[in-house]
PDB file of N, CA and C in Angstrom:
ATOM      1  N   UNK A   1     -13.999 -19.664  26.264  1.00  0.00           N
ATOM      2  CA  UNK A   1     -13.382 -17.335  26.828  1.00  0.00           C
ATOM      3  C   UNK A   1     -12.648 -17.240  26.366  1.00  0.00           C
ATOM      4  N   UNK A   2     -11.675 -16.533  26.042  1.00  0.00           N
ATOM      5  CA  UNK A   2     -10.027 -15.991  25.827  1.00  0.00           C
ATOM      6  C   UNK A   2     -10.020 -14.839  26.632  1.00  0.00           C
ATOM      7  N   UNK A   3      -9.022 -14.591  26.810  1.00  0.00           N
ATOM      8  CA  UNK A   3      -8.637 -13.612  27.952  1.00  0.00           C
ATOM      9  C   UNK A   3      -9.249 -12.433  27.910  1.00  0.00           C
ATOM     10  N   UNK A   4      -8.811 -12.086  26.609  1.00  0.00           N
ATOM     11  CA  UNK A   4      -8.644 -10.690  26.395  1.00  0.00           C
ATOM     12  C   UNK A   4     -10.411 -10.389  26.659  1.00  0.00           C
ATOM     13  N   UNK A   5     -11.554 -11.621  26.477  1.00  0.00           N
ATOM     14  CA  UNK A   5     -12.939 -11.069  26.737  1.00  0.00           C
ATOM     15  C   UNK A   5     -13.353 -11.029  28.383  1.00  0.00           C
ATOM     16  N   UNK A   6     -12.644 -11.316  29.017  1.00  0.00           N
ATOM     17  CA  UNK A   6     -12.094 -10.523  30.348  1.00  0.00           C
ATOM     18  C   UNK A   6     -12.124  -9.458  30.760  1.00  0.00           C
ATOM     19  N   UNK A   7     -11.585  -8.415  29.723  1.00  0.00           N
ATOM     20  CA  UNK A   7     -11.661  -6.853  30.010  1.00  0.00           C
ATOM     21  C   UNK A   7     -12.786  -6.312  29.602  1.00  0.00           C
ATOM     22  N   UNK A   8     -13.224  -5.291  29.955  1.00  0.00           N
ATOM     23  CA  UNK A   8     -14.166  -4.233  29.373  1.00  0.00           C
ATOM     24  C   UNK A   8     -13.650  -3.369  27.903  1.00  0.00           C
ATOM     25  N   UNK A   9     -14.821  -3.025  27.229  1.00  0.00           N
ATOM     26  CA  UNK A   9     -14.937  -2.795  25.939  1.00  0.00           C
ATOM     27  C   UNK A   9     -13.481  -1.655  25.597  1.00  0.00           C
ATOM     28  N   UNK A  10     -13.809  -0.403  27.142  1.00  0.00           N
ATOM     29  CA  UNK A  10     -12.707   0.715  27.320  1.00  0.00           C
ATOM     30  C   UNK A  10     -11.677   0.238  27.444  1.00  0.00           C
ATOM     31  N   UNK A  11     -10.994  -0.841  28.085  1.00  0.00           N
ATOM     32  CA  UNK A  11     -10.072  -1.406  28.678  1.00  0.00           C
ATOM     33  C   UNK A  11      -9.098  -1.957  27.010  1.00  0.00           C
ATOM     34  N   UNK A  12     -10.067  -2.175  26.998  1.00  0.00           N
ATOM     35  CA  UNK A  12      -9.693  -2.704  25.074  1.00  0.00           C
ATOM     36  C   UNK A  12      -9.527  -1.738  23.911  1.00  0.00           C
ATOM     37  N   UNK A  13     -10.131  -1.031  23.840  1.00  0.00           N
ATOM     38  CA  UNK A  13      -9.947  -0.130  23.207  1.00  0.00           C
ATOM     39  C   UNK A  13      -9.020   1.191  23.354  1.00  0.00           C
ATOM     40  N   UNK A  14      -8.664   1.358  24.910  1.00  0.00           N
ATOM     41  CA  UNK A  14      -7.568   2.061  25.209  1.00  0.00           C
ATOM     42  C   UNK A  14      -5.985   1.084  25.311  1.00  0.00           C
ATOM     43  N   UNK A  15      -6.244   0.183  25.004  1.00  0.00           N
ATOM     44  CA  UNK A  15      -4.943  -0.775  24.403  1.00  0.00           C
ATOM     45  C   UNK A  15      -4.863  -0.573  23.433  1.00  0.00           C
ATOM     46  N   UNK A  16      -5.723  -0.814  22.515  1.00  0.00           N
ATOM     47  CA  UNK A  16      -5.367  -0.571  21.112  1.00  0.00           C
ATOM     48  C   UNK A  16      -4.580   0.373  20.497  1.00  0.00           C
ATOM     49  N   UNK A  17      -5.511   1.994  21.267  1.00  0.00           N
ATOM     50  CA  UNK A  17      -4.845   3.046  20.911  1.00  0.00           C
ATOM     51  C   UNK A  17      -3.654   3.162  21.447  1.00  0.00           C
ATOM     52  N   UNK A  18      -3.201   2.676  22.418  1.00  0.00           N
ATOM     53  CA  UNK A  18      -1.840   3.243  22.626  1.00  0.00           C
ATOM     54  C   UNK A  18      -0.949   2.140  22.588  1.00  0.00           C
ATOM     55  N   UNK A  19      -0.990   0.966  21.705  1.00  0.00           N
ATOM     56  CA  UNK A  19      -0.424   0.305  21.312  1.00  0.00           C
ATOM     57  C   UNK A  19      -0.312   0.981  19.725  1.00  0.00           C
ATOM     58  N   UNK A  20      -0.792   1.227  18.817  1.00  0.00           N
ATOM     59  CA  UNK A  20      -0.957   2.386  17.688  1.00  0.00           C
ATOM     60  C   UNK A  20      -0.432   3.512  17.762  1.00  0.00           C
ATOM     61  N   UNK A  21      -0.229   4.230  19.436  1.00  0.00           N
ATOM     62  CA  UNK A  21       0.401   5.581  19.128  1.00  0.00           C
ATOM     63  C   UNK A  21       1.346   5.509  20.122  1.00  0.00           C
ATOM     64  N   UNK A  22       1.839   4.011  20.040  1.00  0.00           N
ATOM     65  CA  UNK A  22       3.246   3.722  20.949  1.00  0.00           C
ATOM     66  C   UNK A  22       4.885   3.636  20.123  1.00  0.00           C
ATOM     67  N   UNK A  23       4.431   4.007  19.033  1.00  0.00           N
ATOM     68  CA  UNK A  23       5.725   3.840  17.587  1.00  0.00           C
ATOM     69  C   UNK A  23       5.655   5.283  17.623  1.00  0.00           C
ATOM     70  N   UNK A  24       7.273   5.700  17.748  1.00  0.00           N
ATOM     71  CA  UNK A  24       7.622   6.865  17.416  1.00  0.00           C
ATOM     72  C   UNK A  24       7.759   7.839  16.057  1.00  0.00           C
ATOM     73  N   UNK A  25       6.918   6.938  14.990  1.00  0.00           N
ATOM     74  CA  UNK A  25       7.255   7.309  14.006  1.00  0.00           C
ATOM     75  C   UNK A  25       5.676   7.870  13.833  1.00  0.00           C
ATOM     76  N   UNK A  26       4.835   7.248  14.687  1.00  0.00           N
ATOM     77  CA  UNK A  26       3.325   7.573  14.224  1.00  0.00           C
ATOM     78  C   UNK A  26       3.120   8.340  14.804  1.00  0.00           C
ATOM     79  N   UNK A  27       3.618   9.443  16.283  1.00  0.00           N
ATOM     80  CA  UNK A  27       4.095  10.125  16.693  1.00  0.00           C
ATOM     81  C   UNK A  27       4.250  11.816  16.552  1.00  0.00           C
ATOM     82  N   UNK A  28       5.609  11.070  15.474  1.00  0.00           N
ATOM     83  CA  UNK A  28       5.667  12.049  14.433  1.00  0.00           C
ATOM     84  C   UNK A  28       4.691  12.665  13.395  1.00  0.00           C
ATOM     85  N   UNK A  29       4.232  11.292  12.825  1.00  0.00           N
ATOM     86  CA  UNK A  29       3.300  11.568  12.062  1.00  0.00           C
ATOM     87  C   UNK A  29       2.008  12.700  12.434  1.00  0.00           C
ATOM     88  N   UNK A  30       1.648  12.435  13.335  1.00  0.00           N
ATOM     89  CA  UNK A  30       0.449  13.164  14.114  1.00  0.00           C
ATOM     90  C   UNK A  30       1.019  14.121  14.356  1.00  0.00           C
ATOM     91  N   UNK A  31       2.403  14.481  15.016  1.00  0.00           N
ATOM     92  CA  UNK A  31       2.185  15.700  14.983  1.00  0.00           C
ATOM     93  C   UNK A  31       2.667  16.491  13.648  1.00  0.00           C
ATOM     94  N   UNK A  32       3.036  15.954  12.619  1.00  0.00           N
ATOM     95  CA  UNK A  32       3.231  16.684  11.628  1.00  0.00           C
ATOM     96  C   UNK A  32       1.822  17.225  11.093  1.00  0.00           C
ATOM     97  N   UNK A  33       1.255  16.493  11.140  1.00  0.00           N
ATOM     98  CA  UNK A  33      -0.317  16.763  10.298  1.00  0.00           C
ATOM     99  C   UNK A  33      -0.932  17.949  11.327  1.00  0.00           C
ATOM    100  N   UNK A  34      -0.509  17.738  12.905  1.00  0.00           N
ATOM    101  CA  UNK A  34      -1.284  18.931  13.542  1.00  0.00           C
ATOM    102  C   UNK A  34      -0.493  20.403  13.366  1.00  0.00           C
ATOM    103  N   UNK A  35       0.647  20.253  13.197  1.00  0.00           N
ATOM    104  CA  UNK A  35       1.119  21.619  12.452  1.00  0.00           C
ATOM    105  C   UNK A  35       1.076  22.394  11.183  1.00  0.00           C
ATOM    106  N   UNK A  36       0.616  21.078  10.242  1.00  0.00           N
ATOM    107  CA  UNK A  36       0.640  21.247   8.397  1.00  0.00           C
ATOM    108  C   UNK A  36      -1.092  21.202   8.646  1.00  0.00           C
ATOM    109  N   UNK A  37      -1.994  21.167   9.342  1.00  0.00           N
ATOM    110  CA  UNK A  37      -3.449  20.915   9.183  1.00  0.00           C
ATOM    111  C   UNK A  37      -3.944  19.676   8.093  1.00  0.00           C
ATOM    112  N   UNK A  38      -3.130  19.846   7.071  1.00  0.00           N
ATOM    113  CA  UNK A  38      -3.222  18.326   6.112  1.00  0.00           C
ATOM    114  C   UNK A  38      -2.546  18.560   5.378  1.00  0.00           C
ATOM    115  N   UNK A  39      -2.010  17.447   4.674  1.00  0.00           N
ATOM    116  CA  UNK A  39      -0.773  17.504   3.917  1.00  0.00           C
ATOM    117  C   UNK A  39      -0.975  16.346   2.973  1.00  0.00           C
ATOM    118  N   UNK A  40      -0.074  15.783   1.949  1.00  0.00           N
ATOM    119  CA  UNK A  40       0.028  14.806   1.086  1.00  0.00           C
ATOM    120  C   UNK A  40       0.948  13.593   1.597  1.00  0.00           C
ATOM    121  N   UNK A  41       0.139  12.571   1.404  1.00  0.00           N
ATOM    122  CA  UNK A  41       1.308  11.269   1.594  1.00  0.00           C
ATOM    123  C   UNK A  41       2.612  11.329   1.931  1.00  0.00           C
ATOM    124  N   UNK A  42       2.627  12.088   0.557  1.00  0.00           N
ATOM    125  CA  UNK A  42       4.349  11.968   0.104  1.00  0.00           C
ATOM    126  C   UNK A  42       5.274  12.997   0.800  1.00  0.00           C
ATOM    127  N   UNK A  43       4.565  14.130   1.421  1.00  0.00           N
ATOM    128  CA  UNK A  43       5.053  14.939   2.034  1.00  0.00           C
ATOM    129  C   UNK A  43       5.323  14.995   3.311  1.00  0.00           C
ATOM    130  N   UNK A  44       4.761  13.373   3.784  1.00  0.00           N
ATOM    131  CA  UNK A  44       5.550  13.392   4.990  1.00  0.00           C
ATOM    132  C   UNK A  44       6.463  12.376   4.887  1.00  0.00           C
ATOM    133  N   UNK A  45       6.414  11.434   4.396  1.00  0.00           N
ATOM    134  CA  UNK A  45       7.476  10.379   3.856  1.00  0.00           C
ATOM    135  C   UNK A  45       8.914  11.806   3.633  1.00  0.00           C
ATOM    136  N   UNK A  46       8.647  12.825   3.301  1.00  0.00           N
ATOM    137  CA  UNK A  46       9.733  13.661   3.067  1.00  0.00           C
ATOM    138  C   UNK A  46      10.201  14.223   4.273  1.00  0.00           C
ATOM    139  N   UNK A  47       9.631  14.081   5.515  1.00  0.00           N
ATOM    140  CA  UNK A  47       9.604  15.293   6.358  1.00  0.00           C
ATOM    141  C   UNK A  47      10.219  14.180   7.562  1.00  0.00           C
ATOM    142  N   UNK A  48      10.006  12.613   7.571  1.00  0.00           N
ATOM    143  CA  UNK A  48      10.538  11.676   8.404  1.00  0.00           C
ATOM    144  C   UNK A  48      11.704  10.367   7.909  1.00  0.00           C
ATOM    145  N   UNK A  49      12.635   9.967   8.517  1.00  0.00           N
ATOM    146  CA  UNK A  49      13.745   9.786   8.305  1.00  0.00           C
ATOM    147  C   UNK A  49      13.268   7.559   7.648  1.00  0.00           C
ATOM    148  N   UNK A  50      12.342   7.909   6.866  1.00  0.00           N
ATOM    149  CA  UNK A  50      11.579   6.358   7.099  1.00  0.00           C
ATOM    150  C   UNK A  50      11.601   6.482   5.383  1.00  0.00           C
ATOM    151  N   UNK A  51      11.408   5.425   4.853  1.00  0.00           N
ATOM    152  CA  UNK A  51      10.665   5.462   3.210  1.00  0.00           C
ATOM    153  C   UNK A  51       8.833   5.137   3.480  1.00  0.00           C
ATOM    154  N   UNK A  52       8.992   5.731   2.016  1.00  0.00           N
ATOM    155  CA  UNK A  52       7.647   5.798   1.330  1.00  0.00           C
ATOM    156  C   UNK A  52       6.747   4.558   2.237  1.00  0.00           C
ATOM    157  N   UNK A  53       7.027   3.424   1.783  1.00  0.00           N
ATOM    158  CA  UNK A  53       6.349   1.998   1.859  1.00  0.00           C
ATOM    159  C   UNK A  53       6.474   2.201   3.571  1.00  0.00           C
ATOM    160  N   UNK A  54       7.183   2.380   3.987  1.00  0.00           N
ATOM    161  CA  UNK A  54       7.362   2.583   5.996  1.00  0.00           C
ATOM    162  C   UNK A  54       6.612   3.458   6.514  1.00  0.00           C
ATOM    163  N   UNK A  55       6.422   4.870   5.802  1.00  0.00           N
ATOM    164  CA  UNK A  55       5.408   5.395   6.127  1.00  0.00           C
ATOM    165  C   UNK A  55       4.020   4.929   5.750  1.00  0.00           C
ATOM    166  N   UNK A  56       3.718   4.249   4.695  1.00  0.00           N
ATOM    167  CA  UNK A  56       2.539   4.006   4.792  1.00  0.00           C
ATOM    168  C   UNK A  56       1.886   3.404   5.287  1.00  0.00           C
ATOM    169  N   UNK A  57       2.656   2.318   5.921  1.00  0.00           N
ATOM    170  CA  UNK A  57       2.661   1.302   6.544  1.00  0.00           C
ATOM    171  C   UNK A  57       1.641   2.000   8.034  1.00  0.00           C
ATOM    172  N   UNK A  58       2.655   2.823   8.657  1.00  0.00           N
ATOM    173  CA  UNK A  58       1.992   3.599   9.788  1.00  0.00           C
ATOM    174  C   UNK A  58       1.021   5.052   9.871  1.00  0.00           C
ATOM    175  N   UNK A  59       0.673   5.412   8.523  1.00  0.00           N
ATOM    176  CA  UNK A  59      -0.901   5.784   7.939  1.00  0.00           C
ATOM    177  C   UNK A  59      -1.350   4.797   8.089  1.00  0.00           C
ATOM    178  N   UNK A  60      -1.311   3.777   7.690  1.00  0.00           N
ATOM    179  CA  UNK A  60      -2.642   2.816   7.574  1.00  0.00           C
ATOM    180  C   UNK A  60      -3.029   2.646   8.908  1.00  0.00           C
ATOM    181  N   UNK A  61      -1.912   2.247   9.843  1.00  0.00           N
ATOM    182  CA  UNK A  61      -2.499   1.650  11.683  1.00  0.00           C
ATOM    183  C   UNK A  61      -3.093   3.005  11.830  1.00  0.00           C
ATOM    184  N   UNK A  62      -2.591   4.674  11.511  1.00  0.00           N
ATOM    185  CA  UNK A  62      -3.312   5.513  12.392  1.00  0.00           C
ATOM    186  C   UNK A  62      -4.548   5.528  11.953  1.00  0.00           C
ATOM    187  N   UNK A  63      -4.496   5.434  10.499  1.00  0.00           N
ATOM    188  CA  UNK A  63      -6.510   5.210   9.530  1.00  0.00           C
ATOM    189  C   UNK A  63      -7.062   4.290  10.110  1.00  0.00           C
ATOM    190  N   UNK A  64      -6.242   2.731  10.133  1.00  0.00           N
ATOM    191  CA  UNK A  64      -7.635   2.278  10.906  1.00  0.00           C
ATOM    192  C   UNK A  64      -8.170   2.480  12.145  1.00  0.00           C
ATOM    193  N   UNK A  65      -7.771   3.016  13.015  1.00  0.00           N
ATOM    194  CA  UNK A  65      -7.674   2.682  14.323  1.00  0.00           C
ATOM    195  C   UNK A  65      -9.014   4.529  14.478  1.00  0.00           C
ATOM    196  N   UNK A  66      -8.757   5.599  13.685  1.00  0.00           N
ATOM    197  CA  UNK A  66      -9.470   6.271  12.974  1.00  0.00           C
ATOM    198  C   UNK A  66      -9.216   7.569  13.297  1.00  0.00           C
ATOM    199  N   UNK A  67      -7.632   7.916  13.776  1.00  0.00           N
ATOM    200  CA  UNK A  67      -7.067   9.014  14.292  1.00  0.00           C
ATOM    201  C   UNK A  67      -6.624  10.060  12.974  1.00  0.00           C
ATOM    202  N   UNK A  68      -6.394   8.971  12.091  1.00  0.00           N
ATOM    203  CA  UNK A  68      -6.923  10.760  10.488  1.00  0.00           C
ATOM    204  C   UNK A  68      -7.322   9.648   9.719  1.00  0.00           C
ATOM    205  N   UNK A  69      -7.754  10.740   8.385  1.00  0.00           N
ATOM    206  CA  UNK A  69      -8.702   9.990   7.286  1.00  0.00           C
ATOM    207  C   UNK A  69      -7.918  10.889   6.330  1.00  0.00           C
ATOM    208  N   UNK A  70      -8.339  10.035   5.128  1.00  0.00           N
ATOM    209  CA  UNK A  70      -7.217  10.556   4.190  1.00  0.00           C
ATOM    210  C   UNK A  70      -8.617  10.258   2.796  1.00  0.00           C
ATOM    211  N   UNK A  71      -8.393  11.481   2.219  1.00  0.00           N
ATOM    212  CA  UNK A  71      -9.030  11.957   1.004  1.00  0.00           C
ATOM    213  C   UNK A  71      -8.037  11.527  -0.541  1.00  0.00           C
ATOM    214  N   UNK A  72      -8.507  10.876  -1.392  1.00  0.00           N
ATOM    215  CA  UNK A  72      -8.146  10.576  -2.759  1.00  0.00           C
ATOM    216  C   UNK A  72      -8.372  12.061  -3.198  1.00  0.00           C
ATOM    217  N   UNK A  73      -7.014  12.565  -3.694  1.00  0.00           N
ATOM    218  CA  UNK A  73      -7.250  13.641  -4.643  1.00  0.00           C
ATOM    219  C   UNK A  73      -6.260  13.312  -6.186  1.00  0.00           C
ATOM    220  N   UNK A  74      -7.034  12.334  -7.267  1.00  0.00           N
ATOM    221  CA  UNK A  74      -5.486  11.877  -8.180  1.00  0.00           C
ATOM    222  C   UNK A  74      -5.232  11.280  -8.280  1.00  0.00           C
ATOM    223  N   UNK A  75      -3.916  11.273  -8.046  1.00  0.00           N
ATOM    224  CA  UNK A  75      -2.749  10.324  -7.781  1.00  0.00           C
ATOM    225  C   UNK A  75      -2.613  10.355  -6.111  1.00  0.00           C
ATOM    226  N   UNK A  76      -2.945  11.575  -5.450  1.00  0.00           N
ATOM    227  CA  UNK A  76      -2.399  11.343  -4.381  1.00  0.00           C
ATOM    228  C   UNK A  76      -3.262  11.528  -3.120  1.00  0.00           C
ATOM    229  N   UNK A  77      -2.792  11.212  -2.009  1.00  0.00           N
ATOM    230  CA  UNK A  77      -3.894  11.176  -0.529  1.00  0.00           C
ATOM    231  C   UNK A  77      -3.477  11.792   0.048  1.00  0.00           C
ATOM    232  N   UNK A  78      -4.883  12.920   0.583  1.00  0.00           N
ATOM    233  CA  UNK A  78      -4.055  13.914   1.172  1.00  0.00           C
ATOM    234  C   UNK A  78      -5.198  13.670   2.846  1.00  0.00           C
ATOM    235  N   UNK A  79      -4.071  13.437   3.599  1.00  0.00           N
ATOM    236  CA  UNK A  79      -4.133  13.370   4.521  1.00  0.00           C
ATOM    237  C   UNK A  79      -4.156  14.412   5.844  1.00  0.00           C
ATOM    238  N   UNK A  80      -5.322  14.141   6.838  1.00  0.00           N
ATOM    239  CA  UNK A  80      -5.324  14.879   7.481  1.00  0.00           C
ATOM    240  C   UNK A  80      -6.143  14.228   9.336  1.00  0.00           C
ATOM    241  N   UNK A  81      -5.751  14.902  10.284  1.00  0.00           N
ATOM    242  CA  UNK A  81      -6.404  14.399  11.803  1.00  0.00           C
ATOM    243  C   UNK A  81      -7.520  14.257  11.699  1.00  0.00           C
ATOM    244  N   UNK A  82      -8.226  13.193  12.319  1.00  0.00           N
ATOM    245  CA  UNK A  82      -9.582  13.223  12.720  1.00  0.00           C
ATOM    246  C   UNK A  82      -9.934  13.593  14.139  1.00  0.00           C
ATOM    247  N   UNK A  83     -10.124  14.915  14.618  1.00  0.00           N
ATOM    248  CA  UNK A  83     -10.374  15.662  15.369  1.00  0.00           C
ATOM    249  C   UNK A  83     -10.835  15.039  16.418  1.00  0.00           C
ATOM    250  N   UNK A  84     -12.534  14.507  16.309  1.00  0.00           N
ATOM    251  CA  UNK A  84     -13.699  13.974  16.863  1.00  0.00           C
ATOM    252  C   UNK A  84     -12.934  12.415  17.233  1.00  0.00           C
ATOM    253  N   UNK A  85     -12.356  11.869  16.801  1.00  0.00           N
ATOM    254  CA  UNK A  85     -11.759  10.572  17.107  1.00  0.00           C
ATOM    255  C   UNK A  85     -10.474  10.766  18.156  1.00  0.00           C
ATOM    256  N   UNK A  86      -9.385  11.691  17.603  1.00  0.00           N
ATOM    257  CA  UNK A  86      -8.585  12.061  19.009  1.00  0.00           C
ATOM    258  C   UNK A  86      -9.822  12.543  20.302  1.00  0.00           C
ATOM    259  N   UNK A  87     -10.325  13.435  20.181  1.00  0.00           N
ATOM    260  CA  UNK A  87     -11.096  13.997  21.214  1.00  0.00           C
ATOM    261  C   UNK A  87     -11.510  13.044  22.359  1.00  0.00           C
ATOM    262  N   UNK A  88     -11.906  12.184  21.189  1.00  0.00           N
ATOM    263  CA  UNK A  88     -12.712  10.607  22.223  1.00  0.00           C
ATOM    264  C   UNK A  88     -11.912  10.032  22.920  1.00  0.00           C
ATOM    265  N   UNK A  89     -10.502   9.765  22.015  1.00  0.00           N
ATOM    266  CA  UNK A  89      -8.982   8.690  22.974  1.00  0.00           C
ATOM    267  C   UNK A  89      -8.975   9.728  24.252  1.00  0.00           C
ATOM    268  N   UNK A  90      -8.869  10.850  23.900  1.00  0.00           N
ATOM    269  CA  UNK A  90      -8.280  11.771  24.816  1.00  0.00           C
ATOM    270  C   UNK A  90      -9.128  12.085  25.918  1.00  0.00           C
ATOM    271  N   UNK A  91     -10.258  11.780  26.016  1.00  0.00           N
ATOM    272  CA  UNK A  91     -11.584  12.186  26.797  1.00  0.00           C
ATOM    273  C   UNK A  91     -11.569  10.196  27.682  1.00  0.00           C
ATOM    274  N   UNK A  92     -11.650   9.298  27.160  1.00  0.00           N
ATOM    275  CA  UNK A  92     -11.192   8.283  27.243  1.00  0.00           C
ATOM    276  C   UNK A  92     -10.028   8.161  28.388  1.00  0.00           C
ATOM    277  N   UNK A  93      -9.000   8.738  27.924  1.00  0.00           N
ATOM    278  CA  UNK A  93      -7.775   8.402  28.732  1.00  0.00           C
ATOM    279  C   UNK A  93      -7.874   9.365  30.102  1.00  0.00           C
ATOM    280  N   UNK A  94      -8.365  10.484  30.333  1.00  0.00           N
ATOM    281  CA  UNK A  94      -8.870  11.249  31.342  1.00  0.00           C
ATOM    282  C   UNK A  94      -9.399  10.792  32.029  1.00  0.00           C
ATOM    283  N   UNK A  95     -10.541   9.991  31.877  1.00  0.00           N
ATOM    284  CA  UNK A  95     -11.805   9.334  32.341  1.00  0.00           C
ATOM    285  C   UNK A  95     -11.149   8.395  33.009  1.00  0.00           C
ATOM    286  N   UNK A  96     -10.049   7.476  32.306  1.00  0.00           N
ATOM    287  CA  UNK A  96      -9.098   6.762  33.015  1.00  0.00           C
ATOM    288  C   UNK A  96      -7.793   6.864  34.207  1.00  0.00           C
ATOM    289  N   UNK A  97      -7.387   7.870  33.900  1.00  0.00           N
ATOM    290  CA  UNK A  97      -6.499   8.163  34.226  1.00  0.00           C
ATOM    291  C   UNK A  97      -6.983   9.208  35.851  1.00  0.00           C
ATOM    292  N   UNK A  98      -8.210   9.358  35.739  1.00  0.00           N
ATOM    293  CA  UNK A  98      -8.712  10.445  37.301  1.00  0.00           C
ATOM    294  C   UNK A  98      -9.006   9.337  38.120  1.00  0.00           C
ATOM    295  N   UNK A  99      -9.337   8.389  38.367  1.00  0.00           N
ATOM    296  CA  UNK A  99      -9.232   7.659  39.216  1.00  0.00           C
ATOM    297  C   UNK A  99      -7.746   7.219  39.755  1.00  0.00           C
ATOM    298  N   UNK A 100      -6.540   6.940  38.930  1.00  0.00           N
ATOM    299  CA  UNK A 100      -5.302   6.619  39.044  1.00  0.00           C
ATOM    300  C   UNK A 100      -4.860   8.141  39.722  1.00  0.00           C
ATOM    301  N   UNK A 101      -4.915   9.279  38.816  1.00  0.00           N
ATOM    302  CA  UNK A 101      -4.368  10.597  39.276  1.00  0.00           C
ATOM    303  C   UNK A 101      -5.045  10.680  41.119  1.00  0.00           C
ATOM    304  N   UNK A 102      -6.614  10.035  41.443  1.00  0.00           N
ATOM    305  CA  UNK A 102      -6.830  10.740  42.895  1.00  0.00           C
ATOM    306  C   UNK A 102      -6.669   9.662  43.708  1.00  0.00           C
ATOM    307  N   UNK A 103      -6.055   8.385  43.417  1.00  0.00           N
ATOM    308  CA  UNK A 103      -5.667   7.429  44.454  1.00  0.00           C
ATOM    309  C   UNK A 103      -4.968   8.313  45.295  1.00  0.00           C
ATOM    310  N   UNK A 104      -5.126   7.277  46.479  1.00  0.00           N
ATOM    311  CA  UNK A 104      -4.060   7.842  47.865  1.00  0.00           C
ATOM    312  C   UNK A 104      -3.121   6.523  48.012  1.00  0.00           C
ATOM    313  N   UNK A 105      -1.909   6.799  47.742  1.00  0.00           N
ATOM    314  CA  UNK A 105      -0.781   5.717  47.410  1.00  0.00           C
ATOM    315  C   UNK A 105       0.665   6.430  48.051  1.00  0.00           C
ATOM    316  N   UNK A 106       1.077   5.225  48.521  1.00  0.00           N
ATOM    317  CA  UNK A 106       2.525   5.670  48.830  1.00  0.00           C
ATOM    318  C   UNK A 106       3.407   4.531  48.527  1.00  0.00           C
ATOM    319  N   UNK A 107       4.353   4.922  47.246  1.00  0.00           N
ATOM    320  CA  UNK A 107       5.344   3.738  47.190  1.00  0.00           C
ATOM    321  C   UNK A 107       6.788   4.642  46.590  1.00  0.00           C
ATOM    322  N   UNK A 108       6.259   5.994  46.843  1.00  0.00           N
ATOM    323  CA  UNK A 108       7.945   6.207  46.135  1.00  0.00           C
ATOM    324  C   UNK A 108       9.013   5.492  46.576  1.00  0.00           C
ATOM    325  N   UNK A 109       9.926   5.737  46.270  1.00  0.00           N
ATOM    326  CA  UNK A 109      11.024   5.097  46.769  1.00  0.00           C
ATOM    327  C   UNK A 109      12.180   6.001  47.137  1.00  0.00           C
ATOM    328  N   UNK A 110      12.077   5.464  48.339  1.00  0.00           N
ATOM    329  CA  UNK A 110      13.075   6.578  49.461  1.00  0.00           C
ATOM    330  C   UNK A 110      14.636   6.758  49.042  1.00  0.00           C
ATOM    331  N   UNK A 111      15.227   7.033  49.291  1.00  0.00           N
ATOM    332  CA  UNK A 111      16.871   7.460  48.417  1.00  0.00           C
ATOM    333  C   UNK A 111      17.600   7.823  49.773  1.00  0.00           C
TER     334      UNK A 111
END
């Protein structure tokens, strides 16, 4: 048994999600897609201080976890947000943090 098997499915899925969104370029891509509703992959690299190949790698990570999907349109790929997956992850985080939010603890650093 490896150590990851000791954690439940939700914990592993949230950790994977957190790893994917932990990069500022991926956050910038998600924000850009939310503002433009859909776009062409080339447009994304024009908006970020990264090369097309680097943006492509970040798009792949976001696509693999299901946060975005791409539709081939000739030589271009139109990317847009996958609202159902984003909502699912947000709900999972809400449930996870609810117990933490409601926990009674007192460990504030006194100045």
